[in-house]
């Protein structure tokens, strides 16, 4: 993800990688880009939950938001 943007006020925002991490530079200041997805992808328990959810979706096991709210109210979840 390398990019360079120029804001209306002339501020330039640049992105770059350093030490296998992503950073952006705004007005000369460096900020590390935090990506929580990386942590989720490396957690085996969460990865297993995502895979199970994807399998359920493929099998048509879906619930609407209203269905889930009712299930919570009934104490089923």
PDB file of N, CA and C in Angstrom:
ATOM      1  N   UNK A   1       0.845  -1.175   0.000  1.00  0.00           N
ATOM      2  CA  UNK A   1       0.000   0.000   0.000  1.00  0.00           C
ATOM      3  C   UNK A   1       0.893   1.241   0.000  1.00  0.00           C
ATOM      4  N   UNK A   2       1.384   1.621  -1.100  1.00  0.00           N
ATOM      5  CA  UNK A   2       2.153   2.857  -1.195  1.00  0.00           C
ATOM      6  C   UNK A   2       1.349   3.874  -1.985  1.00  0.00           C
ATOM      7  N   UNK A   3       1.148   5.020  -1.379  1.00  0.00           N
ATOM      8  CA  UNK A   3       0.390   6.063  -2.064  1.00  0.00           C
ATOM      9  C   UNK A   3       0.859   7.429  -1.594  1.00  0.00           C
ATOM     10  N   UNK A   4       0.452   8.441  -2.317  1.00  0.00           N
ATOM     11  CA  UNK A   4       0.740   9.815  -1.960  1.00  0.00           C
ATOM     12  C   UNK A   4      -0.498  10.635  -2.273  1.00  0.00           C
ATOM     13  N   UNK A   5      -0.999  11.355  -1.288  1.00  0.00           N
ATOM     14  CA  UNK A   5      -2.186  12.192  -1.451  1.00  0.00           C
ATOM     15  C   UNK A   5      -1.851  13.637  -1.108  1.00  0.00           C
ATOM     16  N   UNK A   6      -2.473  14.547  -1.810  1.00  0.00           N
ATOM     17  CA  UNK A   6      -2.288  15.958  -1.498  1.00  0.00           C
ATOM     18  C   UNK A   6      -3.633  16.523  -1.055  1.00  0.00           C
ATOM     19  N   UNK A   7      -3.690  16.997   0.176  1.00  0.00           N
ATOM     20  CA  UNK A   7      -4.915  17.569   0.736  1.00  0.00           C
ATOM     21  C   UNK A   7      -5.151  18.961   0.150  1.00  0.00           C
ATOM     22  N   UNK A   8      -6.392  19.450   0.236  1.00  0.00           N
ATOM     23  CA  UNK A   8      -6.704  20.782  -0.301  1.00  0.00           C
ATOM     24  C   UNK A   8      -5.811  21.898   0.260  1.00  0.00           C
ATOM     25  N   UNK A   9      -5.337  21.719   1.496  1.00  0.00           N
ATOM     26  CA  UNK A   9      -4.476  22.748   2.082  1.00  0.00           C
ATOM     27  C   UNK A   9      -3.008  22.605   1.665  1.00  0.00           C
ATOM     28  N   UNK A  10      -2.733  21.606   0.804  1.00  0.00           N
ATOM     29  CA  UNK A  10      -1.376  21.407   0.322  1.00  0.00           C
ATOM     30  C   UNK A  10      -0.584  20.380   1.107  1.00  0.00           C
ATOM     31  N   UNK A  11      -1.133  19.906   2.222  1.00  0.00           N
ATOM     32  CA  UNK A  11      -0.457  18.883   3.014  1.00  0.00           C
ATOM     33  C   UNK A  11      -0.352  17.606   2.197  1.00  0.00           C
ATOM     34  N   UNK A  12       0.819  17.008   2.190  1.00  0.00           N
ATOM     35  CA  UNK A  12       1.037  15.766   1.452  1.00  0.00           C
ATOM     36  C   UNK A  12       1.076  14.608   2.444  1.00  0.00           C
ATOM     37  N   UNK A  13       0.308  13.575   2.126  1.00  0.00           N
ATOM     38  CA  UNK A  13       0.273  12.358   2.937  1.00  0.00           C
ATOM     39  C   UNK A  13       0.906  11.260   2.100  1.00  0.00           C
ATOM     40  N   UNK A  14       1.968  10.672   2.619  1.00  0.00           N
ATOM     41  CA  UNK A  14       2.667   9.610   1.903  1.00  0.00           C
ATOM     42  C   UNK A  14       2.618   8.328   2.720  1.00  0.00           C
ATOM     43  N   UNK A  15       2.514   7.198   2.033  1.00  0.00           N
ATOM     44  CA  UNK A  15       2.572   5.913   2.723  1.00  0.00           C
ATOM     45  C   UNK A  15       3.814   5.168   2.262  1.00  0.00           C
ATOM     46  N   UNK A  16       4.311   4.289   3.141  1.00  0.00           N
ATOM     47  CA  UNK A  16       5.498   3.503   2.817  1.00  0.00           C
ATOM     48  C   UNK A  16       5.643   2.377   3.816  1.00  0.00           C
ATOM     49  N   UNK A  17       6.511   1.423   3.503  1.00  0.00           N
ATOM     50  CA  UNK A  17       6.805   0.311   4.400  1.00  0.00           C
ATOM     51  C   UNK A  17       8.206   0.461   4.960  1.00  0.00           C
ATOM     52  N   UNK A  18       8.330   0.065   6.235  1.00  0.00           N
ATOM     53  CA  UNK A  18       9.628   0.095   6.904  1.00  0.00           C
ATOM     54  C   UNK A  18       9.630  -1.021   7.935  1.00  0.00           C
ATOM     55  N   UNK A  19      10.634  -1.860   7.920  1.00  0.00           N
ATOM     56  CA  UNK A  19      10.744  -2.977   8.871  1.00  0.00           C
ATOM     57  C   UNK A  19       9.481  -3.849   8.859  1.00  0.00           C
ATOM     58  N   UNK A  20       8.938  -4.105   7.685  1.00  0.00           N
ATOM     59  CA  UNK A  20       7.751  -4.953   7.497  1.00  0.00           C
ATOM     60  C   UNK A  20       6.496  -4.379   8.151  1.00  0.00           C
ATOM     61  N   UNK A  21       6.474  -3.084   8.358  1.00  0.00           N
ATOM     62  CA  UNK A  21       5.301  -2.397   8.905  1.00  0.00           C
ATOM     63  C   UNK A  21       4.925  -1.270   7.963  1.00  0.00           C
ATOM     64  N   UNK A  22       3.640  -0.894   7.999  1.00  0.00           N
ATOM     65  CA  UNK A  22       3.171   0.190   7.149  1.00  0.00           C
ATOM     66  C   UNK A  22       3.137   1.502   7.928  1.00  0.00           C
ATOM     67  N   UNK A  23       3.538   2.587   7.249  1.00  0.00           N
ATOM     68  CA  UNK A  23       3.561   3.914   7.861  1.00  0.00           C
ATOM     69  C   UNK A  23       2.968   4.927   6.899  1.00  0.00           C
ATOM     70  N   UNK A  24       2.496   6.033   7.462  1.00  0.00           N
ATOM     71  CA  UNK A  24       2.142   7.202   6.652  1.00  0.00           C
ATOM     72  C   UNK A  24       2.903   8.392   7.224  1.00  0.00           C
ATOM     73  N   UNK A  25       3.178   9.354   6.368  1.00  0.00           N
ATOM     74  CA  UNK A  25       3.863  10.573   6.801  1.00  0.00           C
ATOM     75  C   UNK A  25       2.948  11.743   6.451  1.00  0.00           C
ATOM     76  N   UNK A  26       2.625  12.526   7.480  1.00  0.00           N
ATOM     77  CA  UNK A  26       1.781  13.704   7.313  1.00  0.00           C
ATOM     78  C   UNK A  26       2.530  14.893   7.882  1.00  0.00           C
ATOM     79  N   UNK A  27       2.750  15.876   7.058  1.00  0.00           N
ATOM     80  CA  UNK A  27       3.446  17.095   7.474  1.00  0.00           C
ATOM     81  C   UNK A  27       4.756  16.770   8.192  1.00  0.00           C
ATOM     82  N   UNK A  28       5.478  15.778   7.690  1.00  0.00           N
ATOM     83  CA  UNK A  28       6.774  15.433   8.248  1.00  0.00           C
ATOM     84  C   UNK A  28       6.737  14.507   9.444  1.00  0.00           C
ATOM     85  N   UNK A  29       5.551  14.197   9.967  1.00  0.00           N
ATOM     86  CA  UNK A  29       5.443  13.301  11.117  1.00  0.00           C
ATOM     87  C   UNK A  29       5.090  11.899  10.655  1.00  0.00           C
ATOM     88  N   UNK A  30       5.715  10.904  11.264  1.00  0.00           N
ATOM     89  CA  UNK A  30       5.528   9.511  10.883  1.00  0.00           C
ATOM     90  C   UNK A  30       4.523   8.828  11.812  1.00  0.00           C
ATOM     91  N   UNK A  31       3.567   8.097  11.218  1.00  0.00           N
ATOM     92  CA  UNK A  31       2.555   7.366  11.973  1.00  0.00           C
ATOM     93  C   UNK A  31       2.512   5.929  11.479  1.00  0.00           C
ATOM     94  N   UNK A  32       2.533   4.970  12.413  1.00  0.00           N
ATOM     95  CA  UNK A  32       2.393   3.570  12.015  1.00  0.00           C
ATOM     96  C   UNK A  32       0.920   3.285  11.743  1.00  0.00           C
ATOM     97  N   UNK A  33       0.659   2.570  10.656  1.00  0.00           N
ATOM     98  CA  UNK A  33      -0.706   2.191  10.311  1.00  0.00           C
ATOM     99  C   UNK A  33      -1.016   0.893  11.048  1.00  0.00           C
ATOM    100  N   UNK A  34      -2.011   0.943  11.904  1.00  0.00           N
ATOM    101  CA  UNK A  34      -2.419  -0.233  12.674  1.00  0.00           C
ATOM    102  C   UNK A  34      -3.524  -0.951  11.926  1.00  0.00           C
ATOM    103  N   UNK A  35      -3.347  -2.231  11.677  1.00  0.00           N
ATOM    104  CA  UNK A  35      -4.335  -3.028  10.967  1.00  0.00           C
ATOM    105  C   UNK A  35      -4.747  -4.197  11.859  1.00  0.00           C
ATOM    106  N   UNK A  36      -5.894  -4.084  12.547  1.00  0.00           N
ATOM    107  CA  UNK A  36      -6.313  -5.151  13.465  1.00  0.00           C
ATOM    108  C   UNK A  36      -6.619  -6.465  12.753  1.00  0.00           C
ATOM    109  N   UNK A  37      -6.861  -6.428  11.462  1.00  0.00           N
ATOM    110  CA  UNK A  37      -7.144  -7.656  10.714  1.00  0.00           C
ATOM    111  C   UNK A  37      -5.948  -8.596  10.782  1.00  0.00           C
ATOM    112  N   UNK A  38      -4.742  -8.053  10.773  1.00  0.00           N
ATOM    113  CA  UNK A  38      -3.542  -8.887  10.858  1.00  0.00           C
ATOM    114  C   UNK A  38      -3.550  -9.716  12.138  1.00  0.00           C
ATOM    115  N   UNK A  39      -3.967  -9.118  13.244  1.00  0.00           N
ATOM    116  CA  UNK A  39      -4.030  -9.842  14.508  1.00  0.00           C
ATOM    117  C   UNK A  39      -5.112 -10.916  14.471  1.00  0.00           C
ATOM    118  N   UNK A  40      -6.246 -10.598  13.873  1.00  0.00           N
ATOM    119  CA  UNK A  40      -7.324 -11.571  13.781  1.00  0.00           C
ATOM    120  C   UNK A  40      -6.908 -12.762  12.931  1.00  0.00           C
ATOM    121  N   UNK A  41      -6.235 -12.489  11.827  1.00  0.00           N
ATOM    122  CA  UNK A  41      -5.809 -13.562  10.934  1.00  0.00           C
ATOM    123  C   UNK A  41      -4.809 -14.497  11.594  1.00  0.00           C
ATOM    124  N   UNK A  42      -4.047 -14.025  12.563  1.00  0.00           N
ATOM    125  CA  UNK A  42      -3.035 -14.859  13.195  1.00  0.00           C
ATOM    126  C   UNK A  42      -3.559 -15.598  14.429  1.00  0.00           C
ATOM    127  N   UNK A  43      -4.793 -15.330  14.852  1.00  0.00           N
ATOM    128  CA  UNK A  43      -5.375 -15.996  16.022  1.00  0.00           C
ATOM    129  C   UNK A  43      -6.092 -17.271  15.559  1.00  0.00           C
ATOM    130  N   UNK A  44      -5.601 -18.472  15.939  1.00  0.00           N
ATOM    131  CA  UNK A  44      -6.194 -19.717  15.451  1.00  0.00           C
ATOM    132  C   UNK A  44      -7.667 -19.880  15.829  1.00  0.00           C
ATOM    133  N   UNK A  45      -8.037 -19.443  17.018  1.00  0.00           N
ATOM    134  CA  UNK A  45      -9.434 -19.580  17.460  1.00  0.00           C
ATOM    135  C   UNK A  45     -10.361 -18.715  16.608  1.00  0.00           C
ATOM    136  N   UNK A  46      -9.965 -17.485  16.353  1.00  0.00           N
ATOM    137  CA  UNK A  46     -10.777 -16.591  15.531  1.00  0.00           C
ATOM    138  C   UNK A  46     -10.815 -17.094  14.093  1.00  0.00           C
ATOM    139  N   UNK A  47      -9.683 -17.575  13.599  1.00  0.00           N
ATOM    140  CA  UNK A  47      -9.629 -18.113  12.241  1.00  0.00           C
ATOM    141  C   UNK A  47     -10.608 -19.282  12.092  1.00  0.00           C
ATOM    142  N   UNK A  48     -10.666 -20.148  13.102  1.00  0.00           N
ATOM    143  CA  UNK A  48     -11.584 -21.285  13.078  1.00  0.00           C
ATOM    144  C   UNK A  48     -13.036 -20.809  13.083  1.00  0.00           C
ATOM    145  N   UNK A  49     -13.336 -19.776  13.870  1.00  0.00           N
ATOM    146  CA  UNK A  49     -14.693 -19.225  13.923  1.00  0.00           C
ATOM    147  C   UNK A  49     -15.089 -18.646  12.559  1.00  0.00           C
ATOM    148  N   UNK A  50     -14.168 -17.949  11.913  1.00  0.00           N
ATOM    149  CA  UNK A  50     -14.447 -17.359  10.604  1.00  0.00           C
ATOM    150  C   UNK A  50     -14.699 -18.460   9.576  1.00  0.00           C
ATOM    151  N   UNK A  51     -13.876 -19.498   9.607  1.00  0.00           N
ATOM    152  CA  UNK A  51     -14.057 -20.606   8.669  1.00  0.00           C
ATOM    153  C   UNK A  51     -15.399 -21.294   8.879  1.00  0.00           C
ATOM    154  N   UNK A  52     -15.804 -21.490  10.146  1.00  0.00           N
ATOM    155  CA  UNK A  52     -17.099 -22.104  10.451  1.00  0.00           C
ATOM    156  C   UNK A  52     -18.240 -21.216   9.960  1.00  0.00           C
ATOM    157  N   UNK A  53     -18.087 -19.913  10.135  1.00  0.00           N
ATOM    158  CA  UNK A  53     -19.112 -18.964   9.673  1.00  0.00           C
ATOM    159  C   UNK A  53     -19.233 -18.990   8.151  1.00  0.00           C
ATOM    160  N   UNK A  54     -18.100 -19.035   7.470  1.00  0.00           N
ATOM    161  CA  UNK A  54     -18.123 -19.092   6.009  1.00  0.00           C
ATOM    162  C   UNK A  54     -18.810 -20.369   5.528  1.00  0.00           C
ATOM    163  N   UNK A  55     -18.571 -21.481   6.228  1.00  0.00           N
ATOM    164  CA  UNK A  55     -19.220 -22.754   5.881  1.00  0.00           C
ATOM    165  C   UNK A  55     -20.731 -22.635   6.079  1.00  0.00           C
ATOM    166  N   UNK A  56     -21.158 -22.042   7.205  1.00  0.00           N
ATOM    167  CA  UNK A  56     -22.593 -21.845   7.463  1.00  0.00           C
ATOM    168  C   UNK A  56     -23.239 -21.004   6.374  1.00  0.00           C
ATOM    169  N   UNK A  57     -22.562 -19.954   5.952  1.00  0.00           N
ATOM    170  CA  UNK A  57     -23.106 -19.076   4.909  1.00  0.00           C
ATOM    171  C   UNK A  57     -23.278 -19.855   3.609  1.00  0.00           C
ATOM    172  N   UNK A  58     -22.278 -20.661   3.254  1.00  0.00           N
ATOM    173  CA  UNK A  58     -22.374 -21.461   2.027  1.00  0.00           C
ATOM    174  C   UNK A  58     -23.517 -22.463   2.095  1.00  0.00           C
ATOM    175  N   UNK A  59     -23.822 -22.940   3.305  1.00  0.00           N
ATOM    176  CA  UNK A  59     -24.905 -23.908   3.490  1.00  0.00           C
ATOM    177  C   UNK A  59     -26.262 -23.223   3.688  1.00  0.00           C
ATOM    178  N   UNK A  60     -26.285 -21.904   3.619  1.00  0.00           N
ATOM    179  CA  UNK A  60     -27.541 -21.174   3.735  1.00  0.00           C
ATOM    180  C   UNK A  60     -28.026 -20.975   5.159  1.00  0.00           C
ATOM    181  N   UNK A  61     -27.176 -21.205   6.128  1.00  0.00           N
ATOM    182  CA  UNK A  61     -27.548 -21.007   7.537  1.00  0.00           C
ATOM    183  C   UNK A  61     -27.359 -19.538   7.899  1.00  0.00           C
ATOM    184  N   UNK A  62     -28.359 -18.740   7.571  1.00  0.00           N
ATOM    185  CA  UNK A  62     -28.284 -17.292   7.772  1.00  0.00           C
ATOM    186  C   UNK A  62     -29.412 -16.830   8.675  1.00  0.00           C
ATOM    187  N   UNK A  63     -29.172 -15.767   9.431  1.00  0.00           N
ATOM    188  CA  UNK A  63     -30.179 -15.165  10.301  1.00  0.00           C
ATOM    189  C   UNK A  63     -30.206 -13.669  10.037  1.00  0.00           C
ATOM    190  N   UNK A  64     -31.386 -13.099  10.038  1.00  0.00           N
ATOM    191  CA  UNK A  64     -31.501 -11.653   9.893  1.00  0.00           C
ATOM    192  C   UNK A  64     -31.180 -11.000  11.234  1.00  0.00           C
ATOM    193  N   UNK A  65     -30.944  -9.718  11.208  1.00  0.00           N
ATOM    194  CA  UNK A  65     -30.694  -8.972  12.446  1.00  0.00           C
ATOM    195  C   UNK A  65     -31.889  -9.085  13.378  1.00  0.00           C
ATOM    196  N   UNK A  66     -33.082  -8.960  12.825  1.00  0.00           N
ATOM    197  CA  UNK A  66     -34.295  -9.077  13.649  1.00  0.00           C
ATOM    198  C   UNK A  66     -34.390 -10.452  14.295  1.00  0.00           C
ATOM    199  N   UNK A  67     -34.063 -11.519  13.545  1.00  0.00           N
ATOM    200  CA  UNK A  67     -34.075 -12.868  14.109  1.00  0.00           C
ATOM    201  C   UNK A  67     -33.107 -12.972  15.282  1.00  0.00           C
ATOM    202  N   UNK A  68     -31.907 -12.429  15.115  1.00  0.00           N
ATOM    203  CA  UNK A  68     -30.903 -12.493  16.179  1.00  0.00           C
ATOM    204  C   UNK A  68     -31.328 -11.707  17.404  1.00  0.00           C
ATOM    205  N   UNK A  69     -31.922 -10.553  17.213  1.00  0.00           N
ATOM    206  CA  UNK A  69     -32.405  -9.750  18.342  1.00  0.00           C
ATOM    207  C   UNK A  69     -33.448 -10.526  19.117  1.00  0.00           C
ATOM    208  N   UNK A  70     -34.383 -11.166  18.416  1.00  0.00           N
ATOM    209  CA  UNK A  70     -35.412 -11.960  19.084  1.00  0.00           C
ATOM    210  C   UNK A  70     -34.807 -13.138  19.826  1.00  0.00           C
ATOM    211  N   UNK A  71     -33.790 -13.789  19.251  1.00  0.00           N
ATOM    212  CA  UNK A  71     -33.124 -14.907  19.904  1.00  0.00           C
ATOM    213  C   UNK A  71     -32.434 -14.460  21.198  1.00  0.00           C
ATOM    214  N   UNK A  72     -31.841 -13.271  21.163  1.00  0.00           N
ATOM    215  CA  UNK A  72     -31.191 -12.714  22.352  1.00  0.00           C
ATOM    216  C   UNK A  72     -32.238 -12.426  23.425  1.00  0.00           C
ATOM    217  N   UNK A  73     -33.343 -11.826  23.014  1.00  0.00           N
ATOM    218  CA  UNK A  73     -34.414 -11.510  23.970  1.00  0.00           C
ATOM    219  C   UNK A  73     -34.973 -12.773  24.624  1.00  0.00           C
ATOM    220  N   UNK A  74     -35.028 -13.872  23.869  1.00  0.00           N
ATOM    221  CA  UNK A  74     -35.543 -15.131  24.406  1.00  0.00           C
ATOM    222  C   UNK A  74     -34.473 -15.884  25.192  1.00  0.00           C
ATOM    223  N   UNK A  75     -33.255 -15.357  25.221  1.00  0.00           N
ATOM    224  CA  UNK A  75     -32.163 -15.995  25.959  1.00  0.00           C
ATOM    225  C   UNK A  75     -31.542 -17.163  25.223  1.00  0.00           C
ATOM    226  N   UNK A  76     -31.788 -17.263  23.936  1.00  0.00           N
ATOM    227  CA  UNK A  76     -31.230 -18.364  23.152  1.00  0.00           C
ATOM    228  C   UNK A  76     -29.776 -18.128  22.766  1.00  0.00           C
ATOM    229  N   UNK A  77     -29.359 -16.868  22.811  1.00  0.00           N
ATOM    230  CA  UNK A  77     -27.965 -16.523  22.495  1.00  0.00           C
ATOM    231  C   UNK A  77     -27.347 -15.778  23.642  1.00  0.00           C
TER     232      UNK A  77
END
